[in-house]
Amino acid sequence: MSGFNYPQEMWDERFSTPELFGEEPNAFLASQAHRFPSGKALALALADGEGRNSVWLATMACPLWWASLRSNHD
């Protein structure tokens, strides 16, 4: 059984398909790159799914905290 009673199972199932959203960051996030001065902005990426936005933020030299309920971060 999946759903909000078992959120980890729900997200594991949703992201069981490799690269569900691709490898590029979210278009809105990328359009806001000017707001992330290199090494000076701290980002918090909650529920980042595949981690594509977190990876992009890290390449911007942005200190980053990342969290997800997924158990299979391959």
N, C-alpha and C. Protein backbone atom coordinates (compact mmCIF):
# COMPACT_ATOMS: atom_id res chain seq x y z
N MET A 1 0.84 -1.18 0.00
CA MET A 1 0.00 0.00 0.00
C MET A 1 0.89 1.24 0.00
N SER A 2 0.60 2.16 -0.91
CA SER A 2 1.36 3.41 -0.98
C SER A 2 0.46 4.58 -0.63
N GLY A 3 1.04 5.73 -0.52
CA GLY A 3 0.27 6.93 -0.24
C GLY A 3 0.80 7.65 0.96
N PHE A 4 0.01 8.56 1.47
CA PHE A 4 0.48 9.37 2.58
C PHE A 4 0.59 8.61 3.89
N ASN A 5 -0.03 7.43 3.98
CA ASN A 5 0.19 6.60 5.16
C ASN A 5 1.59 6.01 5.15
N TYR A 6 2.15 5.84 3.97
CA TYR A 6 3.49 5.26 3.79
C TYR A 6 4.26 6.13 2.79
N PRO A 7 4.62 7.36 3.16
CA PRO A 7 5.21 8.28 2.18
C PRO A 7 6.51 7.79 1.57
N GLN A 8 7.35 7.11 2.33
CA GLN A 8 8.61 6.65 1.75
C GLN A 8 8.35 5.66 0.63
N GLU A 9 7.42 4.74 0.81
CA GLU A 9 7.09 3.78 -0.24
C GLU A 9 6.53 4.49 -1.46
N MET A 10 5.69 5.50 -1.25
CA MET A 10 5.10 6.24 -2.36
C MET A 10 6.20 6.90 -3.21
N TRP A 11 7.17 7.58 -2.56
CA TRP A 11 8.22 8.26 -3.30
C TRP A 11 9.19 7.26 -3.93
N ASP A 12 9.48 6.16 -3.25
CA ASP A 12 10.33 5.12 -3.85
C ASP A 12 9.71 4.61 -5.14
N GLU A 13 8.40 4.39 -5.11
CA GLU A 13 7.71 3.89 -6.30
C GLU A 13 7.72 4.93 -7.42
N ARG A 14 7.45 6.17 -7.07
CA ARG A 14 7.40 7.23 -8.08
C ARG A 14 8.74 7.42 -8.78
N PHE A 15 9.83 7.34 -8.03
CA PHE A 15 11.14 7.57 -8.61
C PHE A 15 11.88 6.27 -8.94
N SER A 16 11.15 5.17 -9.09
CA SER A 16 11.78 3.90 -9.46
C SER A 16 12.21 3.89 -10.92
N THR A 17 11.65 4.77 -11.73
CA THR A 17 12.04 4.91 -13.13
C THR A 17 13.26 5.83 -13.20
N PRO A 18 14.36 5.36 -13.78
CA PRO A 18 15.56 6.20 -13.86
C PRO A 18 15.29 7.49 -14.63
N GLU A 19 15.82 8.57 -14.12
CA GLU A 19 15.76 9.88 -14.76
C GLU A 19 14.35 10.26 -15.18
N LEU A 20 13.43 10.19 -14.27
CA LEU A 20 12.04 10.54 -14.51
C LEU A 20 11.91 11.96 -15.05
N PHE A 21 12.70 12.88 -14.51
CA PHE A 21 12.62 14.28 -14.93
C PHE A 21 13.84 14.73 -15.73
N GLY A 22 14.75 13.83 -16.04
CA GLY A 22 15.94 14.19 -16.79
C GLY A 22 17.08 14.61 -15.88
N GLU A 23 18.12 15.16 -16.49
CA GLU A 23 19.32 15.55 -15.73
C GLU A 23 19.45 17.05 -15.56
N GLU A 24 18.73 17.83 -16.32
CA GLU A 24 18.84 19.29 -16.23
C GLU A 24 18.04 19.80 -15.03
N PRO A 25 18.46 20.92 -14.45
CA PRO A 25 17.72 21.47 -13.30
C PRO A 25 16.35 21.99 -13.76
N ASN A 26 15.49 22.18 -12.82
CA ASN A 26 14.19 22.80 -13.08
C ASN A 26 14.42 24.14 -13.77
N ALA A 27 13.63 24.43 -14.81
CA ALA A 27 13.82 25.65 -15.61
C ALA A 27 13.73 26.91 -14.76
N PHE A 28 12.79 26.95 -13.82
CA PHE A 28 12.67 28.14 -12.98
C PHE A 28 13.91 28.31 -12.11
N LEU A 29 14.38 27.22 -11.51
CA LEU A 29 15.58 27.30 -10.68
C LEU A 29 16.76 27.81 -11.49
N ALA A 30 16.96 27.28 -12.68
CA ALA A 30 18.08 27.71 -13.52
C ALA A 30 17.95 29.19 -13.90
N SER A 31 16.72 29.66 -14.09
CA SER A 31 16.52 31.07 -14.44
C SER A 31 16.86 32.01 -13.29
N GLN A 32 16.98 31.47 -12.10
CA GLN A 32 17.29 32.27 -10.91
C GLN A 32 18.77 32.20 -10.53
N ALA A 33 19.62 31.72 -11.43
CA ALA A 33 21.05 31.55 -11.14
C ALA A 33 21.70 32.84 -10.64
N HIS A 34 21.23 33.97 -11.12
CA HIS A 34 21.81 35.26 -10.70
C HIS A 34 21.60 35.53 -9.21
N ARG A 35 20.71 34.80 -8.58
CA ARG A 35 20.44 34.99 -7.14
C ARG A 35 21.37 34.15 -6.26
N PHE A 36 22.22 33.35 -6.87
CA PHE A 36 23.12 32.47 -6.12
C PHE A 36 24.56 32.91 -6.31
N PRO A 37 25.00 33.94 -5.60
CA PRO A 37 26.41 34.36 -5.73
C PRO A 37 27.32 33.22 -5.30
N SER A 38 28.30 32.93 -6.10
CA SER A 38 29.19 31.79 -5.88
C SER A 38 29.71 31.72 -4.45
N GLY A 39 29.38 30.62 -3.78
CA GLY A 39 29.89 30.36 -2.44
C GLY A 39 29.27 31.21 -1.34
N LYS A 40 28.30 32.06 -1.67
CA LYS A 40 27.74 32.96 -0.66
C LYS A 40 26.28 32.68 -0.33
N ALA A 41 25.60 31.92 -1.15
CA ALA A 41 24.19 31.63 -0.90
C ALA A 41 24.07 30.20 -0.38
N LEU A 42 23.31 30.01 0.66
CA LEU A 42 23.07 28.67 1.19
C LEU A 42 21.73 28.18 0.65
N ALA A 43 21.71 27.00 0.06
CA ALA A 43 20.48 26.46 -0.52
C ALA A 43 19.97 25.29 0.31
N LEU A 44 18.68 25.16 0.36
CA LEU A 44 18.02 24.04 1.01
C LEU A 44 17.15 23.37 -0.04
N ALA A 45 17.46 22.14 -0.39
CA ALA A 45 16.71 21.42 -1.41
C ALA A 45 15.95 20.28 -0.74
N LEU A 46 14.68 20.52 -0.50
CA LEU A 46 13.84 19.51 0.13
C LEU A 46 13.09 18.72 -0.94
N ALA A 47 12.96 17.43 -0.72
CA ALA A 47 12.20 16.57 -1.63
C ALA A 47 12.68 16.74 -3.06
N ASP A 48 13.99 16.65 -3.28
CA ASP A 48 14.58 16.89 -4.60
C ASP A 48 14.51 15.67 -5.51
N GLY A 49 13.84 14.63 -5.09
CA GLY A 49 13.64 13.47 -5.98
C GLY A 49 14.92 12.87 -6.46
N GLU A 50 15.20 13.04 -7.74
CA GLU A 50 16.39 12.45 -8.35
C GLU A 50 17.67 13.21 -7.99
N GLY A 51 17.53 14.39 -7.44
CA GLY A 51 18.70 15.17 -7.03
C GLY A 51 19.24 16.09 -8.10
N ARG A 52 18.54 16.21 -9.23
CA ARG A 52 19.07 17.04 -10.33
C ARG A 52 19.24 18.50 -9.93
N ASN A 53 18.33 19.03 -9.13
CA ASN A 53 18.46 20.42 -8.70
C ASN A 53 19.60 20.59 -7.70
N SER A 54 19.75 19.63 -6.81
CA SER A 54 20.85 19.68 -5.84
C SER A 54 22.20 19.62 -6.54
N VAL A 55 22.32 18.76 -7.53
CA VAL A 55 23.58 18.66 -8.28
C VAL A 55 23.88 19.98 -8.98
N TRP A 56 22.87 20.57 -9.59
CA TRP A 56 23.06 21.85 -10.28
C TRP A 56 23.49 22.93 -9.30
N LEU A 57 22.81 22.99 -8.14
CA LEU A 57 23.19 23.99 -7.14
C LEU A 57 24.63 23.80 -6.68
N ALA A 58 25.05 22.56 -6.52
CA ALA A 58 26.44 22.28 -6.11
C ALA A 58 27.43 22.75 -7.18
N THR A 59 27.07 22.62 -8.46
CA THR A 59 27.97 23.08 -9.52
C THR A 59 28.05 24.61 -9.55
N MET A 60 27.09 25.27 -8.91
CA MET A 60 27.11 26.73 -8.81
C MET A 60 27.95 27.17 -7.60
N ALA A 61 28.67 26.23 -6.98
CA ALA A 61 29.48 26.49 -5.78
C ALA A 61 28.61 27.02 -4.64
N CYS A 62 27.42 26.47 -4.56
CA CYS A 62 26.45 26.90 -3.56
C CYS A 62 26.44 25.88 -2.41
N PRO A 63 26.80 26.29 -1.18
CA PRO A 63 26.68 25.36 -0.06
C PRO A 63 25.23 24.86 0.02
N LEU A 64 25.07 23.59 0.29
CA LEU A 64 23.77 22.97 0.09
C LEU A 64 23.42 21.98 1.19
N TRP A 65 22.17 22.04 1.64
CA TRP A 65 21.58 21.02 2.50
C TRP A 65 20.51 20.36 1.66
N TRP A 66 20.47 19.04 1.66
CA TRP A 66 19.55 18.28 0.81
C TRP A 66 18.89 17.21 1.64
N ALA A 67 17.60 16.99 1.43
CA ALA A 67 16.87 15.96 2.17
C ALA A 67 15.80 15.35 1.29
N SER A 68 15.58 14.05 1.50
CA SER A 68 14.55 13.34 0.75
C SER A 68 14.09 12.15 1.55
N LEU A 69 12.86 11.71 1.31
CA LEU A 69 12.35 10.50 1.97
C LEU A 69 12.73 9.23 1.22
N ARG A 70 13.24 9.35 0.03
CA ARG A 70 13.57 8.17 -0.76
C ARG A 70 14.61 7.32 -0.07
N SER A 71 14.47 6.01 -0.21
CA SER A 71 15.45 5.11 0.40
C SER A 71 16.46 4.59 -0.61
N ASN A 72 16.17 4.72 -1.90
CA ASN A 72 17.05 4.15 -2.93
C ASN A 72 17.69 5.26 -3.76
N HIS A 73 18.68 5.95 -3.20
CA HIS A 73 19.38 7.03 -3.89
C HIS A 73 20.51 6.45 -4.72
N ASP A 74 20.18 5.85 -5.84
CA ASP A 74 21.21 5.23 -6.69
C ASP A 74 22.01 6.26 -7.43
